Amino acid sequence: MAAHRLTPALVTELRERRAAGEPVERLAVVFGVSEKTIRTTCRGETNRSAPGPLSHGVIARRPTRRAITGAERQEIVSMRTRGTAVEQIARHVQRSVTTVAKFLKREQSANA
């Protein structure tokens, strides 16, 4: 992927769109940078002086609790039905994005 320099205005737009729940993958394509660049920029690890909301970084994992609870299942399905991005749902239920995405995929298969 060709390297593109993000101007402060682009960084602000990027951070705002990410904070609104736009997926990292889509932002990488739109801004012409890698997914890693999107993540580090949104966490404030790069482009520190540019304005815009910063993300909270990596979602804390809870290795001792593997199963998603019934309440979490309901919340995940409800939020996804309302159109909430998987990343925002994961942050809300304090689970990894992968866990939430796998759960949603299984739910979709079961309801097909």
C-alpha atoms as a PDB file:
ATOM      1  CA  MET A   1       0.000   0.000   0.000  1.00  0.00           C
ATOM      2  CA  ALA A   2       1.390   3.396  -0.908  1.00  0.00           C
ATOM      3  CA  ALA A   3       2.233   5.652   2.011  1.00  0.00           C
ATOM      4  CA  HIS A   4       0.046   8.731   2.323  1.00  0.00           C
ATOM      5  CA  ARG A   5       0.649  11.584   4.686  1.00  0.00           C
ATOM      6  CA  LEU A   6      -2.354  12.465   6.816  1.00  0.00           C
ATOM      7  CA  THR A   7      -2.821  16.198   7.272  1.00  0.00           C
ATOM      8  CA  PRO A   8      -4.164  17.479  10.616  1.00  0.00           C
ATOM      9  CA  ALA A   9      -7.554  18.065   8.958  1.00  0.00           C
ATOM     10  CA  LEU A  10      -7.638  14.463   7.697  1.00  0.00           C
ATOM     11  CA  VAL A  11      -6.600  13.145  11.115  1.00  0.00           C
ATOM     12  CA  THR A  12      -9.473  15.056  12.723  1.00  0.00           C
ATOM     13  CA  GLU A  13     -11.943  13.671  10.183  1.00  0.00           C
ATOM     14  CA  LEU A  14     -10.504  10.171  10.615  1.00  0.00           C
ATOM     15  CA  ARG A  15     -10.788  10.282  14.415  1.00  0.00           C
ATOM     16  CA  GLU A  16     -14.336  11.634  14.285  1.00  0.00           C
ATOM     17  CA  ARG A  17     -15.461   8.959  11.831  1.00  0.00           C
ATOM     18  CA  ARG A  18     -13.795   6.218  13.895  1.00  0.00           C
ATOM     19  CA  ALA A  19     -15.372   7.553  17.107  1.00  0.00           C
ATOM     20  CA  ALA A  20     -18.745   7.396  15.327  1.00  0.00           C
ATOM     21  CA  GLY A  21     -18.162   3.676  14.773  1.00  0.00           C
ATOM     22  CA  GLU A  22     -16.936   3.490  11.192  1.00  0.00           C
ATOM     23  CA  PRO A  23     -14.906   0.285  10.736  1.00  0.00           C
ATOM     24  CA  VAL A  24     -11.108   0.457  10.632  1.00  0.00           C
ATOM     25  CA  GLU A  25     -11.060  -1.514   7.388  1.00  0.00           C
ATOM     26  CA  ARG A  26     -13.278   1.009   5.573  1.00  0.00           C
ATOM     27  CA  LEU A  27     -11.325   3.993   6.911  1.00  0.00           C
ATOM     28  CA  ALA A  28      -8.049   2.445   5.729  1.00  0.00           C
ATOM     29  CA  VAL A  29      -9.407   2.220   2.191  1.00  0.00           C
ATOM     30  CA  VAL A  30     -10.948   5.704   2.243  1.00  0.00           C
ATOM     31  CA  PHE A  31      -7.821   7.411   3.603  1.00  0.00           C
ATOM     32  CA  GLY A  32      -5.359   5.255   1.648  1.00  0.00           C
ATOM     33  CA  VAL A  33      -3.376   4.070   4.663  1.00  0.00           C
ATOM     34  CA  SER A  34      -2.944   0.782   6.515  1.00  0.00           C
ATOM     35  CA  GLU A  35      -5.285  -0.437   9.232  1.00  0.00           C
ATOM     36  CA  LYS A  36      -2.392  -0.140  11.682  1.00  0.00           C
ATOM     37  CA  THR A  37      -2.046   3.560  10.797  1.00  0.00           C
ATOM     38  CA  ILE A  38      -5.768   4.056  11.441  1.00  0.00           C
ATOM     39  CA  ARG A  39      -5.512   2.393  14.862  1.00  0.00           C
ATOM     40  CA  THR A  40      -2.354   4.202  16.001  1.00  0.00           C
ATOM     41  CA  THR A  41      -3.687   7.545  14.802  1.00  0.00           C
ATOM     42  CA  CYS A  42      -7.011   7.051  16.575  1.00  0.00           C
ATOM     43  CA  ARG A  43      -5.257   6.079  19.811  1.00  0.00           C
ATOM     44  CA  GLY A  44      -3.054   9.186  19.619  1.00  0.00           C
ATOM     45  CA  GLU A  45       0.189   7.231  19.233  1.00  0.00           C
ATOM     46  CA  THR A  46       0.882   9.191  16.050  1.00  0.00           C
ATOM     47  CA  ASN A  47      -0.259  12.644  14.934  1.00  0.00           C
ATOM     48  CA  ARG A  48      -0.478  13.670  18.598  1.00  0.00           C
ATOM     49  CA  SER A  49      -0.911  17.377  17.910  1.00  0.00           C
ATOM     50  CA  ALA A  50      -3.920  16.932  15.603  1.00  0.00           C
ATOM     51  CA  PRO A  51      -7.351  17.500  17.149  1.00  0.00           C
ATOM     52  CA  GLY A  52     -10.124  14.925  17.279  1.00  0.00           C
ATOM     53  CA  PRO A  53     -11.463  12.326  19.698  1.00  0.00           C
ATOM     54  CA  LEU A  54      -9.088   9.539  20.713  1.00  0.00           C
ATOM     55  CA  SER A  55     -10.179   5.916  20.975  1.00  0.00           C
ATOM     56  CA  HIS A  56      -9.635   3.869  24.103  1.00  0.00           C
ATOM     57  CA  GLY A  57      -7.276   1.455  22.394  1.00  0.00           C
ATOM     58  CA  VAL A  58      -7.368  -2.278  22.854  1.00  0.00           C
ATOM     59  CA  ILE A  59     -10.443  -3.718  24.484  1.00  0.00           C
ATOM     60  CA  ALA A  60      -9.649  -5.402  27.773  1.00  0.00           C
ATOM     61  CA  ARG A  61      -9.921  -9.158  27.621  1.00  0.00           C
ATOM     62  CA  ARG A  62     -11.331 -11.298  30.393  1.00  0.00           C
ATOM     63  CA  PRO A  63      -9.614 -14.654  29.997  1.00  0.00           C
ATOM     64  CA  THR A  64     -11.326 -16.257  32.983  1.00  0.00           C
ATOM     65  CA  ARG A  65     -14.838 -15.804  31.574  1.00  0.00           C
ATOM     66  CA  ARG A  66     -15.196 -17.412  28.157  1.00  0.00           C
ATOM     67  CA  ALA A  67     -18.931 -17.757  27.594  1.00  0.00           C
ATOM     68  CA  ILE A  68     -21.053 -14.780  26.606  1.00  0.00           C
ATOM     69  CA  THR A  69     -23.824 -14.333  29.160  1.00  0.00           C
ATOM     70  CA  GLY A  70     -27.503 -14.212  28.244  1.00  0.00           C
ATOM     71  CA  ALA A  71     -27.636 -10.500  29.039  1.00  0.00           C
ATOM     72  CA  GLU A  72     -24.630  -9.866  26.799  1.00  0.00           C
ATOM     73  CA  ARG A  73     -26.244 -11.876  24.000  1.00  0.00           C
ATOM     74  CA  GLN A  74     -29.395  -9.769  24.182  1.00  0.00           C
ATOM     75  CA  GLU A  75     -27.413  -6.525  24.275  1.00  0.00           C
ATOM     76  CA  ILE A  76     -25.201  -7.531  21.325  1.00  0.00           C
ATOM     77  CA  VAL A  77     -28.174  -8.551  19.170  1.00  0.00           C
ATOM     78  CA  SER A  78     -30.123  -5.447  20.151  1.00  0.00           C
ATOM     79  CA  MET A  79     -27.251  -3.083  19.375  1.00  0.00           C
ATOM     80  CA  ARG A  80     -26.477  -4.785  16.054  1.00  0.00           C
ATOM     81  CA  THR A  81     -30.158  -4.610  15.065  1.00  0.00           C
ATOM     82  CA  ARG A  82     -29.992  -0.859  15.645  1.00  0.00           C
ATOM     83  CA  GLY A  83     -27.014  -0.713  13.266  1.00  0.00           C
ATOM     84  CA  THR A  84     -24.259  -0.261  15.828  1.00  0.00           C
ATOM     85  CA  ALA A  85     -20.757  -1.128  14.589  1.00  0.00           C
ATOM     86  CA  VAL A  86     -19.204  -4.340  15.906  1.00  0.00           C
ATOM     87  CA  GLU A  87     -16.293  -2.376  17.405  1.00  0.00           C
ATOM     88  CA  GLN A  88     -18.675  -0.190  19.420  1.00  0.00           C
ATOM     89  CA  ILE A  89     -20.638  -3.213  20.614  1.00  0.00           C
ATOM     90  CA  ALA A  90     -17.418  -4.914  21.725  1.00  0.00           C
ATOM     91  CA  ARG A  91     -16.346  -1.820  23.632  1.00  0.00           C
ATOM     92  CA  HIS A  92     -19.795  -1.588  25.264  1.00  0.00           C
ATOM     93  CA  VAL A  93     -19.886  -5.209  26.463  1.00  0.00           C
ATOM     94  CA  GLN A  94     -16.144  -5.196  27.217  1.00  0.00           C
ATOM     95  CA  ARG A  95     -15.342  -8.081  24.904  1.00  0.00           C
ATOM     96  CA  SER A  96     -12.901  -8.407  22.030  1.00  0.00           C
ATOM     97  CA  VAL A  97     -14.118  -7.488  18.571  1.00  0.00           C
ATOM     98  CA  THR A  98     -13.349 -11.039  17.449  1.00  0.00           C
ATOM     99  CA  THR A  99     -15.569 -12.547  20.153  1.00  0.00           C
ATOM    100  CA  VAL A 100     -18.501 -10.311  19.231  1.00  0.00           C
ATOM    101  CA  ALA A 101     -18.021 -10.861  15.489  1.00  0.00           C
ATOM    102  CA  LYS A 102     -17.910 -14.653  15.932  1.00  0.00           C
ATOM    103  CA  PHE A 103     -21.026 -14.565  18.090  1.00  0.00           C
ATOM    104  CA  LEU A 104     -22.898 -12.493  15.486  1.00  0.00           C
ATOM    105  CA  LYS A 105     -21.800 -14.839  12.713  1.00  0.00           C
ATOM    106  CA  ARG A 106     -23.078 -17.850  14.673  1.00  0.00           C
ATOM    107  CA  GLU A 107     -26.352 -16.024  15.389  1.00  0.00           C
ATOM    108  CA  GLN A 108     -26.795 -15.213  11.720  1.00  0.00           C
ATOM    109  CA  SER A 109     -26.147 -18.847  10.724  1.00  0.00           C
ATOM    110  CA  ALA A 110     -28.599 -20.106  13.323  1.00  0.00           C
ATOM    111  CA  ASN A 111     -31.328 -17.718  12.127  1.00  0.00           C
ATOM    112  CA  ALA A 112     -30.828 -18.440   8.417  1.00  0.00           C
END
